[in-house]
Amino acid sequence: MSRLPILIEELIDRYNAGERDFSKVIIKIPFGDTLSWQPERFKGLDLSGIILRNSSIQQIKIYMGGIILRDADLTNVDLSESNFARADLRKARMRGVRIFQSVFEEANFSGADLAGARLVDSDFHCSNLSGVNLRNSKIRDMWFTCTNLTETIFKRAKLESVTFAKVKFIKTDFRQAKFRNDGVLGVNFRDCHFEETLMPDGSLQDETK
């Protein structure tokens, strides 16, 4: 796939001028730009509605904490080894994203579409995944602690070495999800609460009755 390089400053300038579609680009930082190493550089940067379909953010990957990407199109973007702590990703289109060893602590994904995503060894502590579509996703080596999974859809997802800790499941949908159940490699629920949650076999898990 051919991608065109663009400096992050140019992208921001063009976005502020009204441009939104930056599909198939490689976002880069200027060579020797030491300011790019400041973790708070993009805090609060609002790129709502930006289209980054099939683009690469690998050269700026660790500096996105607090960024606002509401309604953004991040389809097939590799978000590995990135820091999106406290990022606003509400209603983002993120089908096919790859997330490996990334930080999304306290991030807000409410209503986002992550169908077919791959989530591996990443931090979603206290994140809001309410109403998120995780159909057909692959989730491995993950802890979801104090995560909001209200009405989250895991239908037909594959989960391996996944632990849910102190999670309240409300109308969560696990139908046809595939759990490994062999000890450490399985799916573990620790101190969780279930309300109207559909399990892989279609049964209803509800501790309120």
N, C-alpha and C. Protein backbone atom coordinates (compact mmCIF):
# COMPACT_ATOMS: atom_id res chain seq x y z
N MET A 1 0.84 -1.19 0.00
CA MET A 1 0.00 0.00 0.00
C MET A 1 0.87 1.25 0.00
N SER A 2 0.68 2.10 -0.98
CA SER A 2 1.48 3.32 -1.10
C SER A 2 0.94 4.40 -0.17
N ARG A 3 1.84 4.99 0.63
CA ARG A 3 1.44 6.05 1.55
C ARG A 3 2.31 7.28 1.31
N LEU A 4 1.72 8.46 1.45
CA LEU A 4 2.45 9.71 1.28
C LEU A 4 2.84 10.27 2.64
N PRO A 5 4.09 10.71 2.80
CA PRO A 5 4.51 11.28 4.09
C PRO A 5 3.94 12.67 4.30
N ILE A 6 3.63 13.00 5.56
CA ILE A 6 3.18 14.34 5.90
C ILE A 6 3.67 14.65 7.32
N LEU A 7 4.21 15.84 7.53
CA LEU A 7 4.65 16.25 8.86
C LEU A 7 3.43 16.54 9.72
N ILE A 8 3.53 16.23 11.00
CA ILE A 8 2.40 16.42 11.91
C ILE A 8 1.96 17.88 11.94
N GLU A 9 2.91 18.82 11.87
CA GLU A 9 2.53 20.24 11.89
C GLU A 9 1.73 20.61 10.64
N GLU A 10 2.12 20.05 9.48
CA GLU A 10 1.38 20.32 8.25
C GLU A 10 -0.03 19.75 8.33
N LEU A 11 -0.14 18.54 8.89
CA LEU A 11 -1.46 17.93 9.04
C LEU A 11 -2.36 18.80 9.91
N ILE A 12 -1.81 19.27 11.04
CA ILE A 12 -2.61 20.11 11.94
C ILE A 12 -3.03 21.40 11.24
N ASP A 13 -2.12 22.02 10.51
CA ASP A 13 -2.45 23.26 9.80
C ASP A 13 -3.55 23.02 8.77
N ARG A 14 -3.43 21.95 8.02
CA ARG A 14 -4.44 21.66 6.99
C ARG A 14 -5.78 21.28 7.61
N TYR A 15 -5.72 20.58 8.75
CA TYR A 15 -6.96 20.25 9.46
C TYR A 15 -7.64 21.54 9.93
N ASN A 16 -6.86 22.44 10.52
CA ASN A 16 -7.43 23.70 11.00
C ASN A 16 -7.99 24.55 9.86
N ALA A 17 -7.48 24.32 8.65
CA ALA A 17 -7.98 25.06 7.48
C ALA A 17 -9.24 24.40 6.89
N GLY A 18 -9.65 23.28 7.47
CA GLY A 18 -10.89 22.65 7.04
C GLY A 18 -10.76 21.30 6.37
N GLU A 19 -9.53 20.87 6.07
CA GLU A 19 -9.32 19.57 5.44
C GLU A 19 -9.53 18.46 6.46
N ARG A 20 -10.12 17.35 6.04
CA ARG A 20 -10.38 16.25 6.96
C ARG A 20 -9.82 14.91 6.50
N ASP A 21 -9.71 14.70 5.20
CA ASP A 21 -9.33 13.38 4.69
C ASP A 21 -7.81 13.28 4.52
N PHE A 22 -7.20 12.48 5.41
CA PHE A 22 -5.76 12.22 5.34
C PHE A 22 -5.52 10.72 5.24
N SER A 23 -6.31 10.07 4.39
CA SER A 23 -6.17 8.63 4.20
C SER A 23 -4.82 8.31 3.55
N LYS A 24 -4.27 7.16 3.90
CA LYS A 24 -3.06 6.62 3.29
C LYS A 24 -1.88 7.60 3.37
N VAL A 25 -1.68 8.17 4.58
CA VAL A 25 -0.50 9.01 4.79
C VAL A 25 0.38 8.39 5.87
N ILE A 26 1.62 8.81 5.89
CA ILE A 26 2.54 8.48 6.98
C ILE A 26 2.80 9.78 7.74
N ILE A 27 2.31 9.86 8.97
CA ILE A 27 2.49 11.09 9.75
C ILE A 27 3.88 11.06 10.39
N LYS A 28 4.65 12.10 10.13
CA LYS A 28 6.04 12.14 10.58
C LYS A 28 6.28 13.38 11.43
N ILE A 29 7.39 13.37 12.13
CA ILE A 29 7.86 14.55 12.86
C ILE A 29 9.13 15.04 12.19
N PRO A 30 9.42 16.34 12.26
CA PRO A 30 10.65 16.85 11.65
C PRO A 30 11.88 16.19 12.26
N PHE A 31 12.86 15.91 11.44
CA PHE A 31 14.08 15.28 11.92
C PHE A 31 14.74 16.18 12.97
N GLY A 32 15.08 15.61 14.10
CA GLY A 32 15.76 16.35 15.16
C GLY A 32 14.84 17.25 15.97
N ASP A 33 13.53 17.08 15.85
CA ASP A 33 12.58 17.92 16.58
C ASP A 33 12.45 17.39 18.01
N THR A 34 13.20 17.97 18.94
CA THR A 34 13.19 17.48 20.32
C THR A 34 11.87 17.77 21.02
N LEU A 35 11.11 18.78 20.54
CA LEU A 35 9.83 19.07 21.16
C LEU A 35 8.86 17.90 21.03
N SER A 36 9.08 17.08 20.00
CA SER A 36 8.19 15.96 19.78
C SER A 36 8.29 14.91 20.88
N TRP A 37 9.33 14.99 21.67
CA TRP A 37 9.50 14.01 22.73
C TRP A 37 8.83 14.44 24.02
N GLN A 38 8.13 15.59 24.02
CA GLN A 38 7.42 16.02 25.21
C GLN A 38 6.07 15.32 25.28
N PRO A 39 5.84 14.52 26.32
CA PRO A 39 4.63 13.70 26.40
C PRO A 39 3.33 14.51 26.33
N GLU A 40 3.34 15.78 26.77
CA GLU A 40 2.10 16.55 26.80
C GLU A 40 1.87 17.36 25.54
N ARG A 41 2.69 17.18 24.53
CA ARG A 41 2.62 18.05 23.35
C ARG A 41 1.24 18.05 22.70
N PHE A 42 0.59 16.90 22.60
CA PHE A 42 -0.68 16.83 21.90
C PHE A 42 -1.87 16.81 22.85
N LYS A 43 -1.64 17.07 24.13
CA LYS A 43 -2.72 17.04 25.09
C LYS A 43 -3.79 18.06 24.71
N GLY A 44 -5.02 17.58 24.55
CA GLY A 44 -6.12 18.46 24.22
C GLY A 44 -6.23 18.81 22.75
N LEU A 45 -5.32 18.31 21.91
CA LEU A 45 -5.39 18.58 20.48
C LEU A 45 -6.69 17.98 19.92
N ASP A 46 -7.49 18.81 19.28
CA ASP A 46 -8.80 18.36 18.79
C ASP A 46 -8.72 18.08 17.29
N LEU A 47 -8.79 16.79 16.95
CA LEU A 47 -8.82 16.37 15.54
C LEU A 47 -10.11 15.58 15.28
N SER A 48 -11.20 16.05 15.87
CA SER A 48 -12.48 15.37 15.70
C SER A 48 -12.83 15.25 14.22
N GLY A 49 -13.32 14.07 13.84
CA GLY A 49 -13.78 13.86 12.48
C GLY A 49 -12.69 13.66 11.45
N ILE A 50 -11.44 13.61 11.88
CA ILE A 50 -10.35 13.41 10.92
C ILE A 50 -10.43 12.00 10.33
N ILE A 51 -10.03 11.88 9.08
CA ILE A 51 -10.02 10.58 8.41
C ILE A 51 -8.57 10.15 8.20
N LEU A 52 -8.18 9.10 8.90
CA LEU A 52 -6.82 8.57 8.80
C LEU A 52 -6.85 7.11 8.33
N ARG A 53 -7.83 6.78 7.55
CA ARG A 53 -8.00 5.40 7.08
C ARG A 53 -6.73 4.89 6.38
N ASN A 54 -6.25 3.72 6.83
CA ASN A 54 -5.07 3.08 6.24
C ASN A 54 -3.80 3.93 6.34
N SER A 55 -3.73 4.80 7.35
CA SER A 55 -2.55 5.64 7.54
C SER A 55 -1.64 5.06 8.61
N SER A 56 -0.47 5.66 8.75
CA SER A 56 0.51 5.22 9.75
C SER A 56 0.84 6.37 10.69
N ILE A 57 0.81 6.09 11.99
CA ILE A 57 1.20 7.10 12.99
C ILE A 57 2.45 6.66 13.74
N GLN A 58 3.17 5.68 13.22
CA GLN A 58 4.23 5.05 13.98
C GLN A 58 5.34 6.00 14.43
N GLN A 59 5.61 7.05 13.68
CA GLN A 59 6.70 7.95 14.09
C GLN A 59 6.29 8.90 15.21
N ILE A 60 5.00 9.05 15.47
CA ILE A 60 4.55 9.92 16.57
C ILE A 60 3.78 9.11 17.61
N LYS A 61 3.93 7.82 17.56
CA LYS A 61 3.01 6.91 18.23
C LYS A 61 2.89 7.09 19.74
N ILE A 62 3.89 7.59 20.43
CA ILE A 62 3.79 7.58 21.89
C ILE A 62 3.34 8.90 22.48
N TYR A 63 2.89 9.84 21.65
CA TYR A 63 2.67 11.21 22.15
C TYR A 63 1.22 11.66 22.08
N MET A 64 0.26 10.75 22.08
CA MET A 64 -1.11 11.12 21.79
C MET A 64 -2.01 11.17 23.02
N GLY A 65 -1.45 11.21 24.22
CA GLY A 65 -2.25 11.28 25.43
C GLY A 65 -3.14 12.52 25.45
N GLY A 66 -4.44 12.32 25.72
CA GLY A 66 -5.37 13.43 25.83
C GLY A 66 -5.89 13.96 24.52
N ILE A 67 -5.50 13.37 23.40
CA ILE A 67 -5.95 13.85 22.09
C ILE A 67 -7.44 13.60 21.92
N ILE A 68 -8.12 14.46 21.16
CA ILE A 68 -9.55 14.33 20.90
C ILE A 68 -9.74 13.84 19.47
N LEU A 69 -10.30 12.64 19.35
CA LEU A 69 -10.52 12.02 18.04
C LEU A 69 -11.96 11.55 17.92
N ARG A 70 -12.89 12.34 18.42
CA ARG A 70 -14.30 11.99 18.31
C ARG A 70 -14.71 11.87 16.84
N ASP A 71 -15.46 10.81 16.53
CA ASP A 71 -15.97 10.59 15.17
C ASP A 71 -14.86 10.46 14.12
N ALA A 72 -13.64 10.18 14.55
CA ALA A 72 -12.53 10.02 13.60
C ALA A 72 -12.63 8.67 12.90
N ASP A 73 -12.03 8.57 11.73
CA ASP A 73 -11.95 7.31 11.00
C ASP A 73 -10.51 6.81 11.08
N LEU A 74 -10.31 5.80 11.92
CA LEU A 74 -8.98 5.21 12.12
C LEU A 74 -8.95 3.78 11.60
N THR A 75 -9.75 3.50 10.60
CA THR A 75 -9.85 2.14 10.05
C THR A 75 -8.47 1.63 9.61
N ASN A 76 -8.12 0.44 10.11
CA ASN A 76 -6.87 -0.24 9.74
C ASN A 76 -5.60 0.52 10.12
N VAL A 77 -5.70 1.41 11.10
CA VAL A 77 -4.50 2.10 11.59
C VAL A 77 -3.85 1.26 12.69
N ASP A 78 -2.53 1.18 12.66
CA ASP A 78 -1.78 0.45 13.67
C ASP A 78 -1.50 1.40 14.84
N LEU A 79 -2.13 1.13 15.98
CA LEU A 79 -1.98 1.97 17.17
C LEU A 79 -1.05 1.31 18.19
N SER A 80 -0.18 0.46 17.73
CA SER A 80 0.70 -0.27 18.64
C SER A 80 1.74 0.64 19.28
N GLU A 81 2.11 0.28 20.52
CA GLU A 81 3.14 0.98 21.27
C GLU A 81 2.85 2.48 21.35
N SER A 82 1.58 2.81 21.52
CA SER A 82 1.15 4.20 21.57
C SER A 82 0.62 4.53 22.95
N ASN A 83 0.60 5.83 23.27
CA ASN A 83 0.03 6.28 24.54
C ASN A 83 -1.17 7.18 24.25
N PHE A 84 -2.36 6.64 24.46
CA PHE A 84 -3.60 7.38 24.27
C PHE A 84 -4.33 7.55 25.60
N ALA A 85 -3.60 7.66 26.70
CA ALA A 85 -4.24 7.84 28.00
C ALA A 85 -5.14 9.08 27.98
N ARG A 86 -6.37 8.91 28.47
CA ARG A 86 -7.36 9.99 28.57
C ARG A 86 -7.77 10.55 27.21
N ALA A 87 -7.53 9.80 26.15
CA ALA A 87 -7.95 10.25 24.82
C ALA A 87 -9.46 10.13 24.67
N ASP A 88 -10.02 10.99 23.84
CA ASP A 88 -11.45 10.98 23.55
C ASP A 88 -11.65 10.37 22.17
N LEU A 89 -12.12 9.14 22.14
CA LEU A 89 -12.32 8.39 20.89
C LEU A 89 -13.79 8.03 20.69
N ARG A 90 -14.67 8.83 21.24
CA ARG A 90 -16.09 8.53 21.15
C ARG A 90 -16.56 8.45 19.71
N LYS A 91 -17.29 7.37 19.42
CA LYS A 91 -17.88 7.12 18.10
C LYS A 91 -16.84 7.07 16.98
N ALA A 92 -15.61 6.78 17.33
CA ALA A 92 -14.57 6.64 16.29
C ALA A 92 -14.78 5.35 15.51
N ARG A 93 -14.45 5.39 14.24
CA ARG A 93 -14.51 4.19 13.39
C ARG A 93 -13.12 3.58 13.37
N MET A 94 -12.99 2.43 14.02
CA MET A 94 -11.67 1.84 14.25
C MET A 94 -11.64 0.37 13.83
N ARG A 95 -12.38 0.05 12.80
CA ARG A 95 -12.41 -1.35 12.35
C ARG A 95 -11.02 -1.79 11.90
N GLY A 96 -10.63 -2.98 12.35
CA GLY A 96 -9.36 -3.55 11.92
C GLY A 96 -8.13 -2.92 12.52
N VAL A 97 -8.28 -2.09 13.55
CA VAL A 97 -7.09 -1.49 14.17
C VAL A 97 -6.27 -2.57 14.87
N ARG A 98 -4.97 -2.31 14.99
CA ARG A 98 -4.08 -3.20 15.73
C ARG A 98 -3.57 -2.43 16.94
N ILE A 99 -3.80 -2.99 18.12
CA ILE A 99 -3.38 -2.35 19.36
C ILE A 99 -2.51 -3.33 20.13
N PHE A 100 -1.22 -3.03 20.22
CA PHE A 100 -0.26 -3.92 20.88
C PHE A 100 0.62 -3.10 21.81
N GLN A 101 0.62 -3.49 23.09
CA GLN A 101 1.43 -2.81 24.10
C GLN A 101 1.20 -1.29 24.08
N SER A 102 -0.07 -0.92 24.12
CA SER A 102 -0.45 0.49 24.11
C SER A 102 -1.18 0.84 25.39
N VAL A 103 -1.26 2.13 25.68
CA VAL A 103 -1.89 2.63 26.89
C VAL A 103 -3.14 3.42 26.52
N PHE A 104 -4.29 2.96 27.00
CA PHE A 104 -5.56 3.67 26.82
C PHE A 104 -6.23 3.89 28.17
N GLU A 105 -5.43 4.09 29.19
CA GLU A 105 -5.96 4.30 30.54
C GLU A 105 -6.87 5.53 30.56
N GLU A 106 -8.07 5.35 31.11
CA GLU A 106 -9.07 6.42 31.24
C GLU A 106 -9.47 7.02 29.89
N ALA A 107 -9.29 6.28 28.81
CA ALA A 107 -9.73 6.75 27.49
C ALA A 107 -11.22 6.51 27.34
N ASN A 108 -11.85 7.31 26.49
CA ASN A 108 -13.29 7.20 26.28
C ASN A 108 -13.57 6.71 24.86
N PHE A 109 -14.00 5.45 24.73
CA PHE A 109 -14.33 4.85 23.45
C PHE A 109 -15.84 4.75 23.23
N SER A 110 -16.63 5.39 24.03
CA SER A 110 -18.07 5.18 24.00
C SER A 110 -18.64 5.24 22.58
N GLY A 111 -19.32 4.17 22.17
CA GLY A 111 -19.94 4.12 20.86
C GLY A 111 -19.00 3.88 19.70
N ALA A 112 -17.73 3.58 19.96
CA ALA A 112 -16.76 3.37 18.88
C ALA A 112 -16.95 2.00 18.23
N ASP A 113 -16.49 1.87 16.99
CA ASP A 113 -16.61 0.63 16.24
C ASP A 113 -15.23 0.02 16.06
N LEU A 114 -14.94 -1.05 16.81
CA LEU A 114 -13.66 -1.75 16.73
C LEU A 114 -13.84 -3.16 16.20
N ALA A 115 -14.81 -3.36 15.34
CA ALA A 115 -15.03 -4.69 14.77
C ALA A 115 -13.77 -5.18 14.07
N GLY A 116 -13.40 -6.43 14.34
CA GLY A 116 -12.23 -7.01 13.70
C GLY A 116 -10.90 -6.50 14.22
N ALA A 117 -10.92 -5.77 15.33
CA ALA A 117 -9.67 -5.24 15.89
C ALA A 117 -8.85 -6.35 16.55
N ARG A 118 -7.55 -6.08 16.71
CA ARG A 118 -6.67 -6.98 17.46
C ARG A 118 -6.13 -6.21 18.65
N LEU A 119 -6.47 -6.67 19.84
CA LEU A 119 -6.04 -6.03 21.09
C LEU A 119 -5.14 -6.99 21.83
N VAL A 120 -3.88 -6.61 22.02
CA VAL A 120 -2.92 -7.49 22.66
C VAL A 120 -2.09 -6.72 23.69
N ASP A 121 -2.04 -7.23 24.91
CA ASP A 121 -1.10 -6.76 25.93
C ASP A 121 -1.13 -5.24 26.07
N SER A 122 -2.32 -4.67 26.26
CA SER A 122 -2.46 -3.22 26.36
C SER A 122 -3.26 -2.84 27.60
N ASP A 123 -3.19 -1.58 27.98
CA ASP A 123 -3.77 -1.09 29.23
C ASP A 123 -5.05 -0.31 28.96
N PHE A 124 -6.19 -0.86 29.40
CA PHE A 124 -7.47 -0.17 29.29
C PHE A 124 -8.05 0.10 30.68
N HIS A 125 -7.20 0.34 31.66
CA HIS A 125 -7.63 0.55 33.03
C HIS A 125 -8.57 1.75 33.13
N CYS A 126 -9.75 1.53 33.71
CA CYS A 126 -10.73 2.60 33.94
C CYS A 126 -11.16 3.30 32.64
N SER A 127 -11.10 2.60 31.53
CA SER A 127 -11.55 3.18 30.26
C SER A 127 -13.05 2.96 30.09
N ASN A 128 -13.64 3.79 29.24
CA ASN A 128 -15.07 3.68 28.95
C ASN A 128 -15.24 3.02 27.59
N LEU A 129 -15.67 1.76 27.59
CA LEU A 129 -15.94 1.04 26.35
C LEU A 129 -17.43 0.76 26.21
N SER A 130 -18.26 1.61 26.78
CA SER A 130 -19.70 1.39 26.71
C SER A 130 -20.20 1.53 25.28
N GLY A 131 -21.01 0.56 24.87
CA GLY A 131 -21.57 0.59 23.53
C GLY A 131 -20.58 0.35 22.42
N VAL A 132 -19.39 -0.15 22.74
CA VAL A 132 -18.36 -0.38 21.73
C VAL A 132 -18.63 -1.69 20.99
N ASN A 133 -18.41 -1.68 19.70
CA ASN A 133 -18.55 -2.87 18.87
C ASN A 133 -17.21 -3.57 18.74
N LEU A 134 -17.08 -4.75 19.36
CA LEU A 134 -15.87 -5.56 19.27
C LEU A 134 -16.16 -6.89 18.57
N ARG A 135 -17.15 -6.89 17.69
CA ARG A 135 -17.46 -8.12 16.96
C ARG A 135 -16.24 -8.63 16.20
N ASN A 136 -16.06 -9.94 16.24
CA ASN A 136 -15.01 -10.61 15.45
C ASN A 136 -13.60 -10.11 15.80
N SER A 137 -13.44 -9.50 16.94
CA SER A 137 -12.12 -9.03 17.35
C SER A 137 -11.32 -10.17 17.96
N LYS A 138 -10.01 -9.97 18.04
CA LYS A 138 -9.11 -10.93 18.69
C LYS A 138 -8.46 -10.22 19.87
N ILE A 139 -8.69 -10.75 21.07
CA ILE A 139 -8.25 -10.09 22.30
C ILE A 139 -7.39 -11.08 23.08
N ARG A 140 -6.15 -10.70 23.34
CA ARG A 140 -5.22 -11.65 23.96
C ARG A 140 -4.30 -10.93 24.96
N ASP A 141 -4.01 -11.61 26.06
CA ASP A 141 -3.07 -11.10 27.07
C ASP A 141 -3.52 -9.72 27.57
N MET A 142 -4.79 -9.62 27.97
CA MET A 142 -5.36 -8.34 28.35
C MET A 142 -5.98 -8.41 29.74
N TRP A 143 -5.88 -7.29 30.48
CA TRP A 143 -6.62 -7.08 31.72
C TRP A 143 -7.56 -5.90 31.49
N PHE A 144 -8.82 -6.09 31.82
CA PHE A 144 -9.79 -4.99 31.81
C PHE A 144 -10.18 -4.75 33.26
N THR A 145 -9.63 -3.71 33.87
CA THR A 145 -9.86 -3.44 35.29
C THR A 145 -10.67 -2.17 35.45
N CYS A 146 -11.78 -2.27 36.18
CA CYS A 146 -12.66 -1.11 36.41
C CYS A 146 -13.09 -0.48 35.09
N THR A 147 -13.21 -1.29 34.06
CA THR A 147 -13.56 -0.80 32.72
C THR A 147 -15.08 -0.79 32.57
N ASN A 148 -15.61 0.25 31.93
CA ASN A 148 -17.04 0.33 31.67
C ASN A 148 -17.35 -0.46 30.39
N LEU A 149 -18.03 -1.60 30.55
CA LEU A 149 -18.37 -2.45 29.41
C LEU A 149 -19.89 -2.57 29.26
N THR A 150 -20.60 -1.52 29.60
CA THR A 150 -22.05 -1.50 29.46
C THR A 150 -22.44 -1.56 27.98
N GLU A 151 -23.24 -2.56 27.63
CA GLU A 151 -23.72 -2.74 26.26
C GLU A 151 -22.59 -2.90 25.24
N THR A 152 -21.44 -3.33 25.70
CA THR A 152 -20.33 -3.63 24.79
C THR A 152 -20.61 -4.95 24.07
N ILE A 153 -20.26 -5.02 22.80
CA ILE A 153 -20.56 -6.20 21.99
C ILE A 153 -19.27 -6.97 21.71
N PHE A 154 -19.18 -8.19 22.26
CA PHE A 154 -18.06 -9.10 22.01
C PHE A 154 -18.49 -10.26 21.13
N LYS A 155 -19.56 -10.10 20.38
CA LYS A 155 -20.11 -11.21 19.62
C LYS A 155 -19.09 -11.77 18.62
N ARG A 156 -18.88 -13.06 18.69
CA ARG A 156 -17.94 -13.81 17.82
C ARG A 156 -16.48 -13.38 18.02
N ALA A 157 -16.19 -12.70 19.09
CA ALA A 157 -14.79 -12.33 19.39
C ALA A 157 -14.04 -13.56 19.92
N LYS A 158 -12.72 -13.55 19.76
CA LYS A 158 -11.87 -14.61 20.31
C LYS A 158 -11.05 -14.02 21.45
N LEU A 159 -11.21 -14.58 22.65
CA LEU A 159 -10.55 -14.07 23.85
C LEU A 159 -9.63 -15.13 24.42
N GLU A 160 -8.38 -14.76 24.63
CA GLU A 160 -7.38 -15.69 25.15
C GLU A 160 -6.50 -14.96 26.16
N SER A 161 -6.35 -15.54 27.33
CA SER A 161 -5.56 -14.93 28.41
C SER A 161 -6.10 -13.54 28.74
N VAL A 162 -7.40 -13.47 28.97
CA VAL A 162 -8.07 -12.19 29.26
C VAL A 162 -8.66 -12.25 30.67
N THR A 163 -8.41 -11.20 31.45
CA THR A 163 -8.97 -11.08 32.79
C THR A 163 -9.82 -9.83 32.90
N PHE A 164 -11.04 -10.00 33.37
CA PHE A 164 -11.92 -8.89 33.69
C PHE A 164 -11.96 -8.76 35.21
N ALA A 165 -11.53 -7.63 35.74
CA ALA A 165 -11.47 -7.44 37.19
C ALA A 165 -12.28 -6.21 37.60
N LYS A 166 -13.17 -6.41 38.57
CA LYS A 166 -13.99 -5.31 39.11
C LYS A 166 -14.76 -4.60 37.99
N VAL A 167 -15.32 -5.41 37.10
CA VAL A 167 -16.10 -4.88 35.98
C VAL A 167 -17.58 -5.15 36.24
N LYS A 168 -18.42 -4.15 35.98
CA LYS A 168 -19.86 -4.35 36.01
C LYS A 168 -20.34 -4.54 34.58
N PHE A 169 -20.79 -5.74 34.28
CA PHE A 169 -21.30 -6.06 32.94
C PHE A 169 -22.80 -5.78 32.92
N ILE A 170 -23.23 -4.80 32.15
CA ILE A 170 -24.64 -4.47 32.01
C ILE A 170 -25.02 -4.58 30.54
N LYS A 171 -25.87 -5.54 30.22
CA LYS A 171 -26.32 -5.77 28.85
C LYS A 171 -25.14 -5.98 27.89
N THR A 172 -24.07 -6.57 28.39
CA THR A 172 -22.91 -6.91 27.56
C THR A 172 -23.25 -8.15 26.75
N ASP A 173 -22.75 -8.22 25.52
CA ASP A 173 -23.11 -9.30 24.60
C ASP A 173 -21.87 -10.13 24.24
N PHE A 174 -21.78 -11.34 24.81
CA PHE A 174 -20.69 -12.27 24.51
C PHE A 174 -21.15 -13.41 23.59
N ARG A 175 -22.31 -13.30 22.98
CA ARG A 175 -22.83 -14.42 22.20
C ARG A 175 -21.85 -14.87 21.11
N GLN A 176 -21.66 -16.18 21.06
CA GLN A 176 -20.79 -16.84 20.08
C GLN A 176 -19.32 -16.44 20.22
N ALA A 177 -18.98 -15.75 21.30
CA ALA A 177 -17.56 -15.46 21.56
C ALA A 177 -16.86 -16.76 21.92
N LYS A 178 -15.58 -16.84 21.59
CA LYS A 178 -14.80 -18.04 21.88
C LYS A 178 -13.86 -17.75 23.04
N PHE A 179 -14.07 -18.46 24.15
CA PHE A 179 -13.23 -18.33 25.33
C PHE A 179 -12.32 -19.55 25.42
N ARG A 180 -11.05 -19.31 25.71
CA ARG A 180 -10.21 -20.43 26.12
C ARG A 180 -10.42 -20.63 27.61
N ASN A 181 -10.54 -21.86 28.02
CA ASN A 181 -10.88 -22.14 29.41
C ASN A 181 -9.85 -23.03 30.10
N ASP A 182 -8.60 -22.94 29.66
CA ASP A 182 -7.58 -23.80 30.23
C ASP A 182 -6.63 -22.99 31.12
N GLY A 183 -7.11 -22.66 32.31
CA GLY A 183 -6.26 -22.00 33.30
C GLY A 183 -5.83 -20.61 32.90
N VAL A 184 -4.50 -20.41 32.89
CA VAL A 184 -3.93 -19.09 32.65
C VAL A 184 -4.34 -18.54 31.29
N LEU A 185 -4.49 -19.41 30.30
CA LEU A 185 -4.82 -18.98 28.95
C LEU A 185 -6.31 -18.70 28.76
N GLY A 186 -7.09 -18.92 29.80
CA GLY A 186 -8.52 -18.76 29.67
C GLY A 186 -9.00 -17.34 29.91
N VAL A 187 -10.32 -17.20 30.07
CA VAL A 187 -10.96 -15.93 30.39
C VAL A 187 -11.39 -15.99 31.83
N ASN A 188 -10.94 -15.01 32.60
CA ASN A 188 -11.20 -15.00 34.04
C ASN A 188 -12.01 -13.77 34.43
N PHE A 189 -13.00 -13.97 35.29
CA PHE A 189 -13.81 -12.89 35.83
C PHE A 189 -13.53 -12.78 37.32
N ARG A 190 -12.99 -11.65 37.74
CA ARG A 190 -12.62 -11.46 39.14
C ARG A 190 -13.40 -10.29 39.74
N ASP A 191 -14.21 -10.62 40.73
CA ASP A 191 -14.99 -9.60 41.43
C ASP A 191 -15.82 -8.77 40.45
N CYS A 192 -16.50 -9.47 39.53
CA CYS A 192 -17.33 -8.80 38.52
C CYS A 192 -18.81 -8.96 38.87
N HIS A 193 -19.63 -8.11 38.30
CA HIS A 193 -21.07 -8.13 38.52
C HIS A 193 -21.77 -8.17 37.17
N PHE A 194 -22.82 -9.00 37.06
CA PHE A 194 -23.49 -9.19 35.78
C PHE A 194 -24.95 -8.77 35.87
N GLU A 195 -25.38 -7.97 34.89
CA GLU A 195 -26.78 -7.60 34.76
C GLU A 195 -27.19 -7.74 33.29
N GLU A 196 -28.13 -8.66 33.04
CA GLU A 196 -28.67 -8.85 31.68
C GLU A 196 -27.56 -9.05 30.65
N THR A 197 -26.55 -9.84 30.99
CA THR A 197 -25.43 -10.08 30.09
C THR A 197 -25.60 -11.43 29.39
N LEU A 198 -25.41 -11.42 28.08
CA LEU A 198 -25.53 -12.63 27.28
C LEU A 198 -24.17 -13.31 27.16
N MET A 199 -24.10 -14.57 27.58
CA MET A 199 -22.86 -15.32 27.58
C MET A 199 -22.68 -16.03 26.22
N PRO A 200 -21.48 -16.63 25.98
CA PRO A 200 -21.21 -17.23 24.66
C PRO A 200 -22.26 -18.24 24.19
N ASP A 201 -22.85 -18.99 25.12
CA ASP A 201 -23.84 -20.00 24.72
C ASP A 201 -25.25 -19.42 24.59
N GLY A 202 -25.38 -18.09 24.75
CA GLY A 202 -26.68 -17.45 24.63
C GLY A 202 -27.44 -17.35 25.93
N SER A 203 -26.89 -17.96 27.00
CA SER A 203 -27.57 -17.89 28.30
C SER A 203 -27.45 -16.50 28.90
N LEU A 204 -28.41 -16.18 29.76
CA LEU A 204 -28.45 -14.85 30.39
C LEU A 204 -27.81 -14.92 31.77
N GLN A 205 -26.82 -14.06 32.00
CA GLN A 205 -26.18 -13.96 33.31
C GLN A 205 -26.70 -12.70 33.97
N ASP A 206 -27.45 -12.86 35.05
CA ASP A 206 -28.06 -11.71 35.70
C ASP A 206 -28.10 -11.94 37.20
N GLU A 207 -27.28 -11.20 37.91
CA GLU A 207 -27.20 -11.36 39.37
C GLU A 207 -28.15 -10.44 40.11
N THR A 208 -28.99 -9.71 39.38
CA THR A 208 -29.96 -8.81 40.03
C THR A 208 -31.24 -9.52 40.38
N LYS A 209 -31.42 -10.74 39.79
CA LYS A 209 -32.67 -11.46 40.04
C LYS A 209 -32.57 -12.28 41.31
